[in-house]
């Protein structure tokens, strides 16, 4: 099994790259998706969040009010640390379960938005960073996601810099390109991942 960490700044196109890798044959473990699953209604995770933050963080149907919770934790580092202490272990445990269920020869791609910020690179056999210029990121966030330019710049500024992400990268996928060119780049990267996965399977016997 080859364990790959995939990350990139907001608007860089990481989600598109993960989709293309899955199309090639990768097993995808999406940290954001798991983070939502572990605090779904009826889960111990949601119960723990309510214990820590009160029932005001619930919507009328009993699900987590993410904007409300976000307004609390992102204005207070201590409260954010409390939330992370609840959610991160649950996400880690579920990620390990999914990884263990994958085939021995699988290329397992962990899609982790804050991989750089949380110092998680050592957890993976290699790290892929999807990179794009700040101008491209800003254009995608404003034009495709409907953010205001101010909000988009604030979100970008809250993340690691392009230089910090590139420092931990084993492979960089530059994504200031049209989709068809990105598809070819991802196919080339996939060929390299398969090569490394095969080499890692051979190496214990050599």
N, C-alpha and C. Protein backbone atom coordinates (compact mmCIF):
# COMPACT_ATOMS: atom_id res chain seq x y z
N UNK A 1 0.84 -1.19 0.00
CA UNK A 1 0.00 0.00 0.00
C UNK A 1 0.88 1.25 0.00
N UNK A 2 0.50 2.21 -0.82
CA UNK A 2 1.20 3.49 -0.85
C UNK A 2 0.26 4.54 -0.26
N UNK A 3 0.71 5.20 0.81
CA UNK A 3 -0.11 6.21 1.48
C UNK A 3 0.33 7.59 1.01
N UNK A 4 -0.60 8.30 0.38
CA UNK A 4 -0.31 9.59 -0.23
C UNK A 4 -1.11 10.68 0.48
N UNK A 5 -0.44 11.76 0.86
CA UNK A 5 -1.13 12.93 1.38
C UNK A 5 -1.33 13.93 0.26
N UNK A 6 -2.56 14.38 0.08
CA UNK A 6 -2.89 15.35 -0.98
C UNK A 6 -3.38 16.63 -0.32
N UNK A 7 -2.77 17.75 -0.69
CA UNK A 7 -3.20 19.02 -0.11
C UNK A 7 -3.03 20.14 -1.13
N UNK A 8 -3.49 21.32 -0.76
CA UNK A 8 -3.41 22.47 -1.65
C UNK A 8 -4.22 23.61 -1.07
N UNK A 9 -3.89 24.81 -1.45
CA UNK A 9 -4.61 25.97 -0.96
C UNK A 9 -6.02 26.03 -1.50
N UNK A 10 -6.87 26.77 -0.82
CA UNK A 10 -8.24 26.94 -1.27
C UNK A 10 -8.26 27.54 -2.68
N UNK A 11 -9.04 26.93 -3.55
CA UNK A 11 -9.12 27.42 -4.92
C UNK A 11 -8.02 26.93 -5.84
N UNK A 12 -7.13 26.09 -5.31
CA UNK A 12 -6.03 25.59 -6.15
C UNK A 12 -6.46 24.45 -7.05
N UNK A 13 -7.57 23.79 -6.71
CA UNK A 13 -8.06 22.70 -7.54
C UNK A 13 -7.80 21.32 -6.98
N UNK A 14 -7.59 21.23 -5.67
CA UNK A 14 -7.31 19.95 -5.04
C UNK A 14 -8.45 18.95 -5.22
N UNK A 15 -9.68 19.41 -5.12
CA UNK A 15 -10.83 18.51 -5.25
C UNK A 15 -10.89 17.90 -6.65
N UNK A 16 -10.55 18.69 -7.66
CA UNK A 16 -10.54 18.18 -9.02
C UNK A 16 -9.44 17.14 -9.19
N UNK A 17 -8.29 17.39 -8.60
CA UNK A 17 -7.19 16.42 -8.68
C UNK A 17 -7.57 15.12 -7.98
N UNK A 18 -8.21 15.22 -6.82
CA UNK A 18 -8.61 13.99 -6.11
C UNK A 18 -9.62 13.21 -6.94
N UNK A 19 -10.52 13.92 -7.61
CA UNK A 19 -11.50 13.25 -8.48
C UNK A 19 -10.80 12.51 -9.60
N UNK A 20 -9.82 13.14 -10.20
CA UNK A 20 -9.09 12.54 -11.31
C UNK A 20 -8.26 11.34 -10.84
N UNK A 21 -7.69 11.43 -9.64
CA UNK A 21 -6.93 10.31 -9.10
C UNK A 21 -7.84 9.11 -8.83
N UNK A 22 -9.03 9.38 -8.33
CA UNK A 22 -9.99 8.29 -8.12
C UNK A 22 -10.34 7.63 -9.45
N UNK A 23 -10.51 8.45 -10.49
CA UNK A 23 -10.82 7.91 -11.82
C UNK A 23 -9.69 7.02 -12.32
N UNK A 24 -8.46 7.31 -11.90
CA UNK A 24 -7.32 6.49 -12.30
C UNK A 24 -7.26 5.18 -11.51
N UNK A 25 -7.87 5.16 -10.32
CA UNK A 25 -7.86 3.94 -9.52
C UNK A 25 -7.47 4.12 -8.07
N UNK A 26 -7.27 5.36 -7.64
CA UNK A 26 -6.89 5.60 -6.25
C UNK A 26 -8.06 5.34 -5.30
N UNK A 27 -7.72 4.96 -4.06
CA UNK A 27 -8.69 4.89 -2.97
C UNK A 27 -8.62 6.23 -2.24
N UNK A 28 -9.72 6.95 -2.20
CA UNK A 28 -9.73 8.30 -1.62
C UNK A 28 -10.27 8.27 -0.20
N UNK A 29 -9.54 8.91 0.71
CA UNK A 29 -10.01 9.14 2.07
C UNK A 29 -10.04 10.65 2.27
N UNK A 30 -11.26 11.20 2.33
CA UNK A 30 -11.49 12.65 2.34
C UNK A 30 -11.69 13.13 3.77
N UNK A 31 -10.71 13.86 4.30
CA UNK A 31 -10.76 14.29 5.70
C UNK A 31 -11.96 15.19 5.97
N UNK A 32 -12.29 16.08 5.04
CA UNK A 32 -13.43 16.98 5.24
C UNK A 32 -14.73 16.20 5.33
N UNK A 33 -14.89 15.22 4.46
CA UNK A 33 -16.11 14.41 4.46
C UNK A 33 -16.23 13.62 5.76
N UNK A 34 -15.11 13.05 6.19
CA UNK A 34 -15.13 12.29 7.44
C UNK A 34 -15.44 13.21 8.62
N UNK A 35 -14.89 14.44 8.59
CA UNK A 35 -15.14 15.39 9.67
C UNK A 35 -16.62 15.70 9.80
N UNK A 36 -17.33 15.69 8.67
CA UNK A 36 -18.79 15.90 8.73
C UNK A 36 -19.49 14.65 9.25
N UNK A 37 -19.01 13.49 8.83
CA UNK A 37 -19.65 12.24 9.24
C UNK A 37 -19.56 12.01 10.75
N UNK A 38 -18.43 12.36 11.36
CA UNK A 38 -18.24 12.03 12.78
C UNK A 38 -19.02 12.95 13.71
N UNK A 39 -19.62 14.02 13.17
CA UNK A 39 -20.48 14.87 13.99
C UNK A 39 -21.90 14.91 13.41
N UNK A 40 -22.27 13.86 12.70
CA UNK A 40 -23.64 13.76 12.18
C UNK A 40 -24.60 13.50 13.34
N UNK A 41 -25.89 13.79 13.14
CA UNK A 41 -26.88 13.55 14.21
C UNK A 41 -26.82 12.11 14.72
N UNK A 42 -26.86 11.98 16.04
CA UNK A 42 -26.85 10.66 16.66
C UNK A 42 -25.48 10.09 16.95
N UNK A 43 -24.42 10.80 16.55
CA UNK A 43 -23.06 10.30 16.78
C UNK A 43 -22.52 10.77 18.12
N UNK A 44 -21.60 9.98 18.71
CA UNK A 44 -20.92 10.45 19.93
C UNK A 44 -20.17 11.76 19.71
N UNK A 45 -19.68 11.96 18.48
CA UNK A 45 -18.96 13.19 18.18
C UNK A 45 -19.83 14.42 18.34
N UNK A 46 -21.04 14.35 17.83
CA UNK A 46 -21.94 15.50 17.96
C UNK A 46 -22.32 15.72 19.43
N UNK A 47 -22.53 14.64 20.14
CA UNK A 47 -22.86 14.76 21.57
C UNK A 47 -21.73 15.45 22.32
N UNK A 48 -20.49 15.12 21.98
CA UNK A 48 -19.35 15.75 22.63
C UNK A 48 -19.25 17.23 22.29
N UNK A 49 -19.55 17.58 21.05
CA UNK A 49 -19.53 18.99 20.64
C UNK A 49 -20.60 19.78 21.40
N UNK A 50 -21.79 19.20 21.53
CA UNK A 50 -22.87 19.87 22.25
C UNK A 50 -22.51 20.03 23.73
N UNK A 51 -21.88 19.03 24.31
CA UNK A 51 -21.44 19.12 25.70
C UNK A 51 -20.47 20.28 25.89
N UNK A 52 -19.61 20.48 24.89
CA UNK A 52 -18.57 21.51 25.00
C UNK A 52 -19.07 22.91 24.66
N UNK A 53 -20.02 22.99 23.72
CA UNK A 53 -20.41 24.31 23.20
C UNK A 53 -21.87 24.67 23.45
N UNK A 54 -22.66 23.73 23.93
CA UNK A 54 -24.05 24.01 24.21
C UNK A 54 -24.97 23.72 23.03
N UNK A 55 -26.25 23.64 23.32
CA UNK A 55 -27.22 23.28 22.28
C UNK A 55 -27.46 24.39 21.26
N UNK A 56 -26.90 25.56 21.50
CA UNK A 56 -27.04 26.66 20.54
C UNK A 56 -26.34 26.36 19.22
N UNK A 57 -25.44 25.37 19.22
CA UNK A 57 -24.73 25.04 17.97
C UNK A 57 -25.49 24.01 17.15
N UNK A 58 -26.73 23.71 17.54
CA UNK A 58 -27.57 22.80 16.77
C UNK A 58 -28.60 23.59 15.97
N UNK A 59 -28.98 23.06 14.81
CA UNK A 59 -30.08 23.63 14.03
C UNK A 59 -31.39 23.04 14.56
N UNK A 60 -32.48 23.48 13.98
CA UNK A 60 -33.79 23.02 14.42
C UNK A 60 -34.00 21.53 14.26
N UNK A 61 -33.32 20.92 13.29
CA UNK A 61 -33.50 19.48 13.07
C UNK A 61 -32.48 18.63 13.84
N UNK A 62 -31.68 19.27 14.70
CA UNK A 62 -30.75 18.53 15.53
C UNK A 62 -29.39 18.30 14.92
N UNK A 63 -29.15 18.84 13.72
CA UNK A 63 -27.82 18.70 13.12
C UNK A 63 -26.94 19.88 13.54
N UNK A 64 -25.66 19.75 13.25
CA UNK A 64 -24.70 20.78 13.66
C UNK A 64 -24.86 22.04 12.82
N UNK A 65 -24.95 23.17 13.48
CA UNK A 65 -25.01 24.46 12.80
C UNK A 65 -23.57 24.92 12.56
N UNK A 66 -23.04 24.57 11.43
CA UNK A 66 -21.63 24.82 11.16
C UNK A 66 -21.27 26.31 11.14
N UNK A 67 -22.08 27.15 10.49
CA UNK A 67 -21.74 28.59 10.54
C UNK A 67 -21.72 29.13 11.97
N UNK A 68 -22.65 28.70 12.79
CA UNK A 68 -22.69 29.17 14.18
C UNK A 68 -21.46 28.71 14.94
N UNK A 69 -21.13 27.43 14.79
CA UNK A 69 -19.95 26.90 15.47
C UNK A 69 -18.69 27.58 14.96
N UNK A 70 -18.64 27.80 13.66
CA UNK A 70 -17.48 28.46 13.07
C UNK A 70 -17.27 29.86 13.62
N UNK A 71 -18.37 30.59 13.80
CA UNK A 71 -18.26 31.95 14.33
C UNK A 71 -17.73 31.96 15.75
N UNK A 72 -17.94 30.87 16.48
CA UNK A 72 -17.45 30.76 17.85
C UNK A 72 -15.96 30.42 17.86
N UNK A 73 -15.58 29.37 17.13
CA UNK A 73 -14.23 28.85 17.27
C UNK A 73 -13.18 29.64 16.51
N UNK A 74 -13.53 30.22 15.38
CA UNK A 74 -12.51 30.92 14.61
C UNK A 74 -12.20 32.30 15.18
N UNK A 75 -13.00 32.74 16.14
CA UNK A 75 -12.70 34.00 16.83
C UNK A 75 -11.97 33.76 18.14
N UNK A 76 -11.76 32.49 18.51
CA UNK A 76 -11.18 32.16 19.81
C UNK A 76 -10.31 30.91 19.68
N UNK A 77 -8.99 31.08 19.65
CA UNK A 77 -8.09 29.93 19.47
C UNK A 77 -8.29 28.85 20.53
N UNK A 78 -8.62 29.23 21.75
CA UNK A 78 -8.82 28.23 22.80
C UNK A 78 -10.04 27.36 22.51
N UNK A 79 -11.10 27.99 22.03
CA UNK A 79 -12.31 27.24 21.70
C UNK A 79 -12.07 26.36 20.48
N UNK A 80 -11.28 26.85 19.53
CA UNK A 80 -10.93 26.04 18.36
C UNK A 80 -10.14 24.81 18.79
N UNK A 81 -9.26 24.98 19.77
CA UNK A 81 -8.48 23.85 20.26
C UNK A 81 -9.39 22.81 20.92
N UNK A 82 -10.43 23.26 21.59
CA UNK A 82 -11.39 22.34 22.20
C UNK A 82 -12.09 21.52 21.12
N UNK A 83 -12.54 22.21 20.07
CA UNK A 83 -13.22 21.52 18.97
C UNK A 83 -12.29 20.52 18.29
N UNK A 84 -11.06 20.95 18.02
CA UNK A 84 -10.11 20.05 17.37
C UNK A 84 -9.82 18.82 18.21
N UNK A 85 -9.78 19.00 19.53
CA UNK A 85 -9.51 17.87 20.42
C UNK A 85 -10.64 16.85 20.37
N UNK A 86 -11.84 17.29 20.01
CA UNK A 86 -12.97 16.37 19.87
C UNK A 86 -12.95 15.70 18.50
N UNK A 87 -12.80 16.51 17.46
CA UNK A 87 -13.01 16.02 16.09
C UNK A 87 -11.80 15.28 15.53
N UNK A 88 -10.60 15.80 15.75
CA UNK A 88 -9.42 15.22 15.11
C UNK A 88 -9.20 13.75 15.45
N UNK A 89 -9.31 13.33 16.73
CA UNK A 89 -9.14 11.89 17.00
C UNK A 89 -10.18 11.02 16.31
N UNK A 90 -11.41 11.53 16.20
CA UNK A 90 -12.46 10.76 15.53
C UNK A 90 -12.17 10.64 14.04
N UNK A 91 -11.70 11.72 13.44
CA UNK A 91 -11.35 11.68 12.02
C UNK A 91 -10.18 10.73 11.80
N UNK A 92 -9.19 10.79 12.69
CA UNK A 92 -8.03 9.91 12.56
C UNK A 92 -8.42 8.44 12.66
N UNK A 93 -9.29 8.13 13.61
CA UNK A 93 -9.71 6.73 13.79
C UNK A 93 -10.47 6.22 12.58
N UNK A 94 -11.38 7.04 12.06
CA UNK A 94 -12.16 6.62 10.89
C UNK A 94 -11.27 6.50 9.66
N UNK A 95 -10.31 7.39 9.52
CA UNK A 95 -9.38 7.32 8.39
C UNK A 95 -8.58 6.03 8.43
N UNK A 96 -8.14 5.63 9.62
CA UNK A 96 -7.38 4.38 9.75
C UNK A 96 -8.26 3.17 9.40
N UNK A 97 -9.52 3.22 9.80
CA UNK A 97 -10.43 2.12 9.46
C UNK A 97 -10.55 1.97 7.94
N UNK A 98 -10.73 3.09 7.25
CA UNK A 98 -10.88 3.06 5.79
C UNK A 98 -9.59 2.60 5.13
N UNK A 99 -8.47 3.04 5.67
CA UNK A 99 -7.18 2.65 5.10
C UNK A 99 -6.95 1.15 5.26
N UNK A 100 -7.27 0.63 6.43
CA UNK A 100 -7.08 -0.79 6.69
C UNK A 100 -7.99 -1.67 5.83
N UNK A 101 -9.10 -1.09 5.38
CA UNK A 101 -10.03 -1.84 4.53
C UNK A 101 -9.58 -1.88 3.07
N UNK A 102 -8.62 -1.05 2.71
CA UNK A 102 -8.15 -1.00 1.32
C UNK A 102 -7.27 -2.20 1.02
N UNK A 103 -7.17 -2.54 -0.25
CA UNK A 103 -6.34 -3.67 -0.68
C UNK A 103 -4.87 -3.40 -0.39
N UNK A 104 -4.10 -4.48 -0.24
CA UNK A 104 -2.69 -4.33 0.09
C UNK A 104 -1.90 -3.58 -0.97
N UNK A 105 -2.34 -3.69 -2.22
CA UNK A 105 -1.61 -3.04 -3.30
C UNK A 105 -2.22 -1.70 -3.70
N UNK A 106 -3.12 -1.16 -2.86
CA UNK A 106 -3.82 0.08 -3.21
C UNK A 106 -2.91 1.31 -3.09
N UNK A 107 -3.23 2.31 -3.90
CA UNK A 107 -2.70 3.66 -3.70
C UNK A 107 -3.79 4.43 -2.96
N UNK A 108 -3.54 4.72 -1.69
CA UNK A 108 -4.53 5.38 -0.84
C UNK A 108 -4.19 6.86 -0.75
N UNK A 109 -5.11 7.70 -1.22
CA UNK A 109 -4.89 9.14 -1.23
C UNK A 109 -5.71 9.78 -0.11
N UNK A 110 -5.02 10.40 0.83
CA UNK A 110 -5.68 11.13 1.92
C UNK A 110 -5.79 12.60 1.51
N UNK A 111 -7.01 13.05 1.28
CA UNK A 111 -7.27 14.45 0.92
C UNK A 111 -7.36 15.24 2.23
N UNK A 112 -6.33 16.03 2.52
CA UNK A 112 -6.23 16.71 3.82
C UNK A 112 -5.96 18.20 3.58
N UNK A 113 -6.98 19.05 3.68
CA UNK A 113 -6.79 20.48 3.40
C UNK A 113 -5.70 21.14 4.26
N UNK A 114 -5.63 20.80 5.54
CA UNK A 114 -4.68 21.46 6.45
C UNK A 114 -3.48 20.57 6.76
N UNK A 115 -3.06 19.79 5.80
CA UNK A 115 -1.93 18.89 5.99
C UNK A 115 -0.67 19.68 6.37
N UNK A 116 -0.41 20.76 5.66
CA UNK A 116 0.78 21.57 5.94
C UNK A 116 0.67 22.24 7.29
N UNK A 117 -0.47 22.88 7.53
CA UNK A 117 -0.66 23.64 8.76
C UNK A 117 -0.55 22.78 10.01
N UNK A 118 -0.99 21.53 9.93
CA UNK A 118 -0.99 20.64 11.09
C UNK A 118 0.23 19.73 11.16
N UNK A 119 1.20 19.93 10.27
CA UNK A 119 2.44 19.17 10.32
C UNK A 119 2.26 17.68 10.12
N UNK A 120 1.39 17.29 9.18
CA UNK A 120 1.03 15.89 9.00
C UNK A 120 1.83 15.17 7.93
N UNK A 121 2.73 15.85 7.26
CA UNK A 121 3.48 15.23 6.15
C UNK A 121 4.16 13.92 6.53
N UNK A 122 4.73 13.78 7.74
CA UNK A 122 5.42 12.53 8.08
C UNK A 122 4.51 11.30 8.13
N UNK A 123 3.19 11.51 8.13
CA UNK A 123 2.26 10.38 8.20
C UNK A 123 2.15 9.62 6.88
N UNK A 124 2.68 10.21 5.80
CA UNK A 124 2.46 9.66 4.46
C UNK A 124 3.76 9.26 3.80
N UNK A 125 3.65 8.31 2.87
CA UNK A 125 4.83 7.90 2.10
C UNK A 125 5.32 9.02 1.20
N UNK A 126 4.40 9.79 0.69
CA UNK A 126 4.75 10.99 -0.06
C UNK A 126 3.59 11.98 -0.05
N UNK A 127 3.91 13.22 -0.32
CA UNK A 127 2.92 14.30 -0.29
C UNK A 127 2.83 14.94 -1.67
N UNK A 128 1.59 15.09 -2.13
CA UNK A 128 1.32 15.81 -3.38
C UNK A 128 0.68 17.14 -3.02
N UNK A 129 1.22 18.20 -3.56
CA UNK A 129 0.65 19.54 -3.37
C UNK A 129 0.10 20.04 -4.70
N UNK A 130 -1.17 20.42 -4.68
CA UNK A 130 -1.78 21.05 -5.85
C UNK A 130 -1.57 22.56 -5.68
N UNK A 131 -0.92 23.16 -6.66
CA UNK A 131 -0.52 24.56 -6.53
C UNK A 131 -1.10 25.39 -7.66
N UNK A 132 -1.44 26.62 -7.34
CA UNK A 132 -1.89 27.58 -8.35
C UNK A 132 -1.51 28.97 -7.87
N UNK A 133 -1.39 29.89 -8.80
CA UNK A 133 -1.04 31.25 -8.42
C UNK A 133 -2.14 31.87 -7.58
N UNK A 134 -1.79 32.88 -6.80
CA UNK A 134 -2.79 33.56 -5.98
C UNK A 134 -3.87 34.18 -6.86
N UNK A 135 -3.48 34.65 -8.04
CA UNK A 135 -4.46 35.24 -8.95
C UNK A 135 -5.48 34.20 -9.41
N UNK A 136 -4.98 33.00 -9.71
CA UNK A 136 -5.89 31.93 -10.12
C UNK A 136 -6.80 31.51 -8.97
N UNK A 137 -6.23 31.37 -7.79
CA UNK A 137 -7.04 31.02 -6.63
C UNK A 137 -8.16 32.05 -6.42
N UNK A 138 -7.79 33.30 -6.44
CA UNK A 138 -8.75 34.38 -6.19
C UNK A 138 -9.85 34.38 -7.24
N UNK A 139 -9.48 34.20 -8.48
CA UNK A 139 -10.47 34.17 -9.57
C UNK A 139 -11.46 33.03 -9.38
N UNK A 140 -10.95 31.85 -9.04
CA UNK A 140 -11.83 30.70 -8.86
C UNK A 140 -12.78 30.89 -7.69
N UNK A 141 -12.27 31.45 -6.59
CA UNK A 141 -13.11 31.63 -5.41
C UNK A 141 -14.22 32.65 -5.65
N UNK A 142 -13.88 33.72 -6.36
CA UNK A 142 -14.87 34.77 -6.61
C UNK A 142 -15.83 34.37 -7.72
N UNK A 143 -15.28 33.84 -8.81
CA UNK A 143 -16.11 33.57 -9.99
C UNK A 143 -16.89 32.26 -9.85
N UNK A 144 -16.27 31.22 -9.30
CA UNK A 144 -16.93 29.92 -9.24
C UNK A 144 -17.68 29.70 -7.94
N UNK A 145 -17.14 30.19 -6.83
CA UNK A 145 -17.77 29.93 -5.54
C UNK A 145 -18.61 31.09 -5.04
N UNK A 146 -18.52 32.22 -5.72
CA UNK A 146 -19.36 33.35 -5.35
C UNK A 146 -18.91 34.10 -4.11
N UNK A 147 -17.66 33.94 -3.70
CA UNK A 147 -17.16 34.69 -2.55
C UNK A 147 -16.91 36.14 -2.94
N UNK A 148 -16.95 37.00 -1.95
CA UNK A 148 -16.48 38.36 -2.18
C UNK A 148 -14.95 38.31 -2.23
N UNK A 149 -14.35 39.28 -2.89
CA UNK A 149 -12.89 39.30 -2.96
C UNK A 149 -12.29 39.40 -1.55
N UNK A 150 -12.93 40.16 -0.68
CA UNK A 150 -12.42 40.31 0.69
C UNK A 150 -12.43 38.98 1.43
N UNK A 151 -13.55 38.25 1.32
CA UNK A 151 -13.64 36.95 1.99
C UNK A 151 -12.63 35.97 1.42
N UNK A 152 -12.49 35.98 0.10
CA UNK A 152 -11.55 35.06 -0.54
C UNK A 152 -10.12 35.34 -0.08
N UNK A 153 -9.74 36.59 -0.04
CA UNK A 153 -8.38 36.93 0.40
C UNK A 153 -8.16 36.54 1.86
N UNK A 154 -9.20 36.71 2.68
CA UNK A 154 -9.07 36.35 4.10
C UNK A 154 -8.89 34.86 4.27
N UNK A 155 -9.65 34.07 3.50
CA UNK A 155 -9.52 32.62 3.58
C UNK A 155 -8.13 32.17 3.12
N UNK A 156 -7.65 32.77 2.05
CA UNK A 156 -6.32 32.43 1.56
C UNK A 156 -5.24 32.79 2.58
N UNK A 157 -5.39 33.96 3.21
CA UNK A 157 -4.39 34.43 4.16
C UNK A 157 -4.34 33.56 5.42
N UNK A 158 -5.46 32.90 5.74
CA UNK A 158 -5.53 32.07 6.95
C UNK A 158 -4.83 30.73 6.77
N UNK A 159 -4.48 30.39 5.53
CA UNK A 159 -3.85 29.10 5.26
C UNK A 159 -2.34 29.25 5.14
N UNK A 160 -1.67 28.11 5.05
CA UNK A 160 -0.23 28.12 4.80
C UNK A 160 0.07 28.82 3.47
N UNK A 161 1.27 29.31 3.33
CA UNK A 161 1.65 29.96 2.09
C UNK A 161 1.99 28.91 1.03
N UNK A 162 2.03 29.35 -0.21
CA UNK A 162 2.42 28.44 -1.29
C UNK A 162 3.81 27.89 -1.03
N UNK A 163 4.71 28.74 -0.53
CA UNK A 163 6.08 28.31 -0.28
C UNK A 163 6.13 27.24 0.81
N UNK A 164 5.32 27.41 1.85
CA UNK A 164 5.29 26.41 2.93
C UNK A 164 4.79 25.07 2.42
N UNK A 165 3.78 25.09 1.57
CA UNK A 165 3.26 23.83 1.03
C UNK A 165 4.29 23.18 0.11
N UNK A 166 4.94 23.97 -0.71
CA UNK A 166 5.92 23.40 -1.63
C UNK A 166 7.11 22.78 -0.88
N UNK A 167 7.43 23.31 0.28
CA UNK A 167 8.55 22.79 1.05
C UNK A 167 8.34 21.34 1.49
N UNK A 168 7.09 20.96 1.72
CA UNK A 168 6.82 19.59 2.19
C UNK A 168 6.43 18.66 1.05
N UNK A 169 6.38 19.16 -0.18
CA UNK A 169 5.89 18.38 -1.31
C UNK A 169 6.95 17.44 -1.88
N UNK A 170 6.53 16.22 -2.14
CA UNK A 170 7.34 15.31 -2.95
C UNK A 170 7.01 15.48 -4.43
N UNK A 171 5.73 15.80 -4.69
CA UNK A 171 5.28 16.05 -6.05
C UNK A 171 4.41 17.30 -6.02
N UNK A 172 4.65 18.22 -6.94
CA UNK A 172 3.82 19.41 -7.08
C UNK A 172 3.07 19.34 -8.41
N UNK A 173 1.75 19.50 -8.34
CA UNK A 173 0.94 19.58 -9.56
C UNK A 173 0.55 21.03 -9.75
N UNK A 174 1.17 21.68 -10.75
CA UNK A 174 0.84 23.08 -11.04
C UNK A 174 -0.51 23.11 -11.77
N UNK A 175 -1.44 23.89 -11.24
CA UNK A 175 -2.80 23.88 -11.79
C UNK A 175 -3.24 25.25 -12.26
N UNK A 176 -2.34 25.99 -12.87
CA UNK A 176 -2.71 27.21 -13.60
C UNK A 176 -2.95 26.84 -15.06
N UNK A 177 -3.73 25.78 -15.29
CA UNK A 177 -3.86 25.23 -16.64
C UNK A 177 -5.31 24.84 -16.90
N UNK A 178 -5.68 24.67 -18.18
CA UNK A 178 -7.02 24.16 -18.50
C UNK A 178 -7.20 22.73 -18.01
N UNK A 179 -8.45 22.29 -17.92
CA UNK A 179 -8.77 20.98 -17.37
C UNK A 179 -8.11 19.86 -18.15
N UNK A 180 -8.09 19.94 -19.47
CA UNK A 180 -7.51 18.83 -20.25
C UNK A 180 -6.02 18.66 -19.96
N UNK A 181 -5.34 19.77 -19.74
CA UNK A 181 -3.92 19.68 -19.40
C UNK A 181 -3.74 19.14 -17.98
N UNK A 182 -4.62 19.55 -17.07
CA UNK A 182 -4.56 19.01 -15.72
C UNK A 182 -4.77 17.50 -15.73
N UNK A 183 -5.70 17.04 -16.53
CA UNK A 183 -5.97 15.60 -16.61
C UNK A 183 -4.72 14.84 -17.02
N UNK A 184 -3.98 15.36 -17.97
CA UNK A 184 -2.76 14.68 -18.41
C UNK A 184 -1.71 14.69 -17.31
N UNK A 185 -1.60 15.82 -16.61
CA UNK A 185 -0.63 15.90 -15.52
C UNK A 185 -0.96 14.88 -14.43
N UNK A 186 -2.23 14.74 -14.11
CA UNK A 186 -2.62 13.79 -13.08
C UNK A 186 -2.35 12.36 -13.54
N UNK A 187 -2.60 12.06 -14.81
CA UNK A 187 -2.29 10.72 -15.32
C UNK A 187 -0.79 10.43 -15.20
N UNK A 188 0.04 11.42 -15.46
CA UNK A 188 1.48 11.23 -15.33
C UNK A 188 1.86 10.97 -13.86
N UNK A 189 1.23 11.71 -12.96
CA UNK A 189 1.49 11.51 -11.53
C UNK A 189 1.01 10.13 -11.10
N UNK A 190 -0.14 9.70 -11.62
CA UNK A 190 -0.66 8.39 -11.27
C UNK A 190 0.31 7.29 -11.69
N UNK A 191 0.89 7.42 -12.86
CA UNK A 191 1.87 6.43 -13.32
C UNK A 191 3.04 6.36 -12.35
N UNK A 192 3.46 7.51 -11.84
CA UNK A 192 4.55 7.54 -10.86
C UNK A 192 4.14 6.90 -9.54
N UNK A 193 2.90 7.14 -9.11
CA UNK A 193 2.42 6.55 -7.86
C UNK A 193 2.36 5.02 -7.98
N UNK A 194 1.89 4.54 -9.11
CA UNK A 194 1.82 3.09 -9.32
C UNK A 194 3.23 2.50 -9.31
N UNK A 195 4.16 3.20 -9.94
CA UNK A 195 5.55 2.72 -9.97
C UNK A 195 6.11 2.61 -8.55
N UNK A 196 5.84 3.64 -7.74
CA UNK A 196 6.35 3.65 -6.36
C UNK A 196 5.67 2.57 -5.52
N UNK A 197 4.37 2.38 -5.75
CA UNK A 197 3.65 1.35 -5.00
C UNK A 197 4.24 -0.03 -5.29
N UNK A 198 4.54 -0.29 -6.56
CA UNK A 198 5.12 -1.58 -6.94
C UNK A 198 6.51 -1.74 -6.35
N UNK A 199 7.28 -0.66 -6.36
CA UNK A 199 8.64 -0.71 -5.81
C UNK A 199 8.61 -0.98 -4.32
N UNK A 200 7.64 -0.40 -3.62
CA UNK A 200 7.56 -0.60 -2.17
C UNK A 200 7.16 -2.03 -1.83
N UNK A 201 6.38 -2.67 -2.73
CA UNK A 201 6.00 -4.07 -2.49
C UNK A 201 7.18 -5.01 -2.72
N UNK A 202 8.07 -4.64 -3.64
CA UNK A 202 9.21 -5.49 -3.93
C UNK A 202 10.31 -5.36 -2.88
N UNK A 203 10.47 -4.14 -2.32
CA UNK A 203 11.62 -3.84 -1.52
C UNK A 203 11.80 -4.74 -0.29
N UNK A 204 10.73 -5.17 0.44
CA UNK A 204 10.96 -6.04 1.59
C UNK A 204 11.58 -7.38 1.22
N UNK A 205 11.44 -7.82 -0.02
CA UNK A 205 11.93 -9.12 -0.44
C UNK A 205 13.35 -9.03 -1.00
N UNK A 206 13.81 -7.81 -1.22
CA UNK A 206 15.11 -7.65 -1.85
C UNK A 206 16.24 -7.71 -0.82
